[in-house]
Amino acid sequence: MFNTTETLRGFAHSSFEDRYGAKCSIQKSSIAFEDCIWFGVNDADPKIMCNNAVRNGVPAQDNCGWQPYEIPEDVLLTTRMHLTQEQVKQIIPVLQHFVDTGELPD
């Protein structure tokens, strides 16, 4: 499932796909003063409903539900979480409960 490599700067990087095939990754952060990781999808992959496209200045594609929605180059979409060790420690019990039961804890 995971394809583990290193970044050009030598930080561990693992890539994988989610349930819907979105490219995701987990990577050791280069932040100097604290151990952190980056975790999440690699691309926001914005989309718009075809019936709303024209209203939003996008030519509508025929016979579709969702269609790609181009975001200007000067707009940033954050797709990955920057997590500290403490934050990951707090998430692990929730994930472990899901692994064990298929549910989120109450």
C-alpha atoms as a PDB file:
ATOM      1  CA  MET A   1       0.000   0.000   0.000  1.00  0.00           C
ATOM      2  CA  PHE A   2       2.752   2.467   0.905  1.00  0.00           C
ATOM      3  CA  ASN A   3       5.523   3.466  -1.469  1.00  0.00           C
ATOM      4  CA  THR A   4       8.265   4.895   0.764  1.00  0.00           C
ATOM      5  CA  THR A   5      11.022   7.116  -0.619  1.00  0.00           C
ATOM      6  CA  GLU A   6      13.023  10.145   0.483  1.00  0.00           C
ATOM      7  CA  THR A   7      12.573  13.769  -0.525  1.00  0.00           C
ATOM      8  CA  LEU A   8      15.447  15.571  -2.259  1.00  0.00           C
ATOM      9  CA  ARG A   9      16.425  16.874   1.184  1.00  0.00           C
ATOM     10  CA  GLY A  10      16.472  13.371   2.711  1.00  0.00           C
ATOM     11  CA  PHE A  11      13.150  13.355   4.584  1.00  0.00           C
ATOM     12  CA  ALA A  12      11.065  10.160   4.620  1.00  0.00           C
ATOM     13  CA  HIS A  13       8.022  10.291   2.312  1.00  0.00           C
ATOM     14  CA  SER A  14       5.370   7.594   1.847  1.00  0.00           C
ATOM     15  CA  SER A  15       2.692   7.781  -0.827  1.00  0.00           C
ATOM     16  CA  PHE A  16      -0.576   5.872  -1.068  1.00  0.00           C
ATOM     17  CA  GLU A  17      -4.121   6.196  -2.415  1.00  0.00           C
ATOM     18  CA  ASP A  18      -7.319   6.634  -0.434  1.00  0.00           C
ATOM     19  CA  ARG A  19     -10.574   4.697  -0.941  1.00  0.00           C
ATOM     20  CA  TYR A  20     -11.441   6.807  -4.003  1.00  0.00           C
ATOM     21  CA  GLY A  21      -7.981   6.710  -5.579  1.00  0.00           C
ATOM     22  CA  ALA A  22      -6.860  10.189  -4.484  1.00  0.00           C
ATOM     23  CA  LYS A  23      -3.077  10.441  -4.210  1.00  0.00           C
ATOM     24  CA  CYS A  24      -2.073  10.931  -0.562  1.00  0.00           C
ATOM     25  CA  SER A  25       1.153  11.111   1.389  1.00  0.00           C
ATOM     26  CA  ILE A  26       2.758  11.201   4.792  1.00  0.00           C
ATOM     27  CA  GLN A  27       6.094  12.950   5.057  1.00  0.00           C
ATOM     28  CA  LYS A  28       8.555  13.905   7.763  1.00  0.00           C
ATOM     29  CA  SER A  29       8.514  17.687   8.080  1.00  0.00           C
ATOM     30  CA  SER A  30      11.640  19.780   7.634  1.00  0.00           C
ATOM     31  CA  ILE A  31      10.618  22.101  10.472  1.00  0.00           C
ATOM     32  CA  ALA A  32      13.761  22.612  12.559  1.00  0.00           C
ATOM     33  CA  PHE A  33      12.463  23.184  16.100  1.00  0.00           C
ATOM     34  CA  GLU A  34       9.884  20.386  16.481  1.00  0.00           C
ATOM     35  CA  ASP A  35       9.227  16.886  15.128  1.00  0.00           C
ATOM     36  CA  CYS A  36       6.248  17.070  12.761  1.00  0.00           C
ATOM     37  CA  ILE A  37       4.774  15.259   9.780  1.00  0.00           C
ATOM     38  CA  TRP A  38       2.743  16.308   6.772  1.00  0.00           C
ATOM     39  CA  PHE A  39      -0.286  14.063   6.176  1.00  0.00           C
ATOM     40  CA  GLY A  40      -3.175  14.201   3.708  1.00  0.00           C
ATOM     41  CA  VAL A  41      -4.167  14.365   0.063  1.00  0.00           C
ATOM     42  CA  ASN A  42      -1.640  15.801  -2.382  1.00  0.00           C
ATOM     43  CA  ASP A  43      -4.099  17.730  -4.541  1.00  0.00           C
ATOM     44  CA  ALA A  44      -7.384  19.385  -3.615  1.00  0.00           C
ATOM     45  CA  ASP A  45      -8.783  18.429  -7.058  1.00  0.00           C
ATOM     46  CA  PRO A  46     -11.504  21.124  -6.996  1.00  0.00           C
ATOM     47  CA  LYS A  47     -14.736  20.390  -8.831  1.00  0.00           C
ATOM     48  CA  ILE A  48     -18.020  22.193  -9.519  1.00  0.00           C
ATOM     49  CA  MET A  49     -21.476  20.813 -10.319  1.00  0.00           C
ATOM     50  CA  CYS A  50     -22.080  21.127 -14.051  1.00  0.00           C
ATOM     51  CA  ASN A  51     -25.407  22.871 -13.486  1.00  0.00           C
ATOM     52  CA  ASN A  52     -23.570  25.576 -11.471  1.00  0.00           C
ATOM     53  CA  ALA A  53     -20.597  25.944 -13.799  1.00  0.00           C
ATOM     54  CA  VAL A  54     -21.916  28.640 -16.138  1.00  0.00           C
ATOM     55  CA  ARG A  55     -23.179  30.726 -13.215  1.00  0.00           C
ATOM     56  CA  ASN A  56     -19.595  30.644 -11.891  1.00  0.00           C
ATOM     57  CA  GLY A  57     -17.951  31.542 -15.202  1.00  0.00           C
ATOM     58  CA  VAL A  58     -16.971  28.020 -16.246  1.00  0.00           C
ATOM     59  CA  PRO A  59     -18.110  26.435 -19.527  1.00  0.00           C
ATOM     60  CA  ALA A  60     -20.324  23.503 -18.569  1.00  0.00           C
ATOM     61  CA  GLN A  61     -19.534  20.011 -19.780  1.00  0.00           C
ATOM     62  CA  ASP A  62     -22.427  17.950 -21.143  1.00  0.00           C
ATOM     63  CA  ASN A  63     -24.071  15.150 -19.159  1.00  0.00           C
ATOM     64  CA  CYS A  64     -22.034  15.226 -15.997  1.00  0.00           C
ATOM     65  CA  GLY A  65     -22.459  15.765 -12.288  1.00  0.00           C
ATOM     66  CA  TRP A  66     -19.122  17.161 -11.175  1.00  0.00           C
ATOM     67  CA  GLN A  67     -16.544  18.684 -13.500  1.00  0.00           C
ATOM     68  CA  PRO A  68     -13.040  20.046 -12.867  1.00  0.00           C
ATOM     69  CA  TYR A  69     -12.907  23.595 -11.530  1.00  0.00           C
ATOM     70  CA  GLU A  70      -9.718  25.509 -12.255  1.00  0.00           C
ATOM     71  CA  ILE A  71      -8.326  27.546  -9.392  1.00  0.00           C
ATOM     72  CA  PRO A  72      -6.122  30.547 -10.239  1.00  0.00           C
ATOM     73  CA  GLU A  73      -2.364  29.947  -9.783  1.00  0.00           C
ATOM     74  CA  ASP A  74      -2.183  32.642  -7.089  1.00  0.00           C
ATOM     75  CA  VAL A  75      -4.712  30.810  -4.845  1.00  0.00           C
ATOM     76  CA  LEU A  76      -3.427  28.293  -2.290  1.00  0.00           C
ATOM     77  CA  LEU A  77      -5.548  25.322  -1.223  1.00  0.00           C
ATOM     78  CA  THR A  78      -4.233  23.561   1.878  1.00  0.00           C
ATOM     79  CA  THR A  79      -4.592  19.812   1.527  1.00  0.00           C
ATOM     80  CA  ARG A  80      -2.228  18.347   4.100  1.00  0.00           C
ATOM     81  CA  MET A  81      -2.203  18.582   7.875  1.00  0.00           C
ATOM     82  CA  HIS A  82       1.033  19.616   9.616  1.00  0.00           C
ATOM     83  CA  LEU A  83       0.927  17.530  12.795  1.00  0.00           C
ATOM     84  CA  THR A  84       3.139  17.512  15.885  1.00  0.00           C
ATOM     85  CA  GLN A  85       4.019  14.322  17.768  1.00  0.00           C
ATOM     86  CA  GLU A  86       1.523  15.298  20.469  1.00  0.00           C
ATOM     87  CA  GLN A  87      -1.277  15.774  17.937  1.00  0.00           C
ATOM     88  CA  VAL A  88      -0.550  12.381  16.368  1.00  0.00           C
ATOM     89  CA  LYS A  89      -0.509  10.841  19.853  1.00  0.00           C
ATOM     90  CA  GLN A  90      -4.015  12.226  20.419  1.00  0.00           C
ATOM     91  CA  ILE A  91      -5.278  10.901  17.063  1.00  0.00           C
ATOM     92  CA  ILE A  92      -3.912   7.355  17.430  1.00  0.00           C
ATOM     93  CA  PRO A  93      -6.547   6.144  19.976  1.00  0.00           C
ATOM     94  CA  VAL A  94      -9.352   7.364  17.703  1.00  0.00           C
ATOM     95  CA  LEU A  95      -7.838   5.566  14.721  1.00  0.00           C
ATOM     96  CA  GLN A  96      -7.155   2.422  16.766  1.00  0.00           C
ATOM     97  CA  HIS A  97     -10.776   2.367  17.936  1.00  0.00           C
ATOM     98  CA  PHE A  98     -11.869   2.586  14.282  1.00  0.00           C
ATOM     99  CA  VAL A  99      -9.477  -0.238  13.339  1.00  0.00           C
ATOM    100  CA  ASP A 100     -10.886  -2.411  16.126  1.00  0.00           C
ATOM    101  CA  THR A 101     -14.604  -1.621  15.719  1.00  0.00           C
ATOM    102  CA  GLY A 102     -15.226   0.187  12.426  1.00  0.00           C
ATOM    103  CA  GLU A 103     -16.710   3.041  14.463  1.00  0.00           C
ATOM    104  CA  LEU A 104     -15.497   6.300  15.989  1.00  0.00           C
ATOM    105  CA  PRO A 105     -15.419   6.498  19.790  1.00  0.00           C
ATOM    106  CA  ASP A 106     -18.252   8.272  21.606  1.00  0.00           C
END
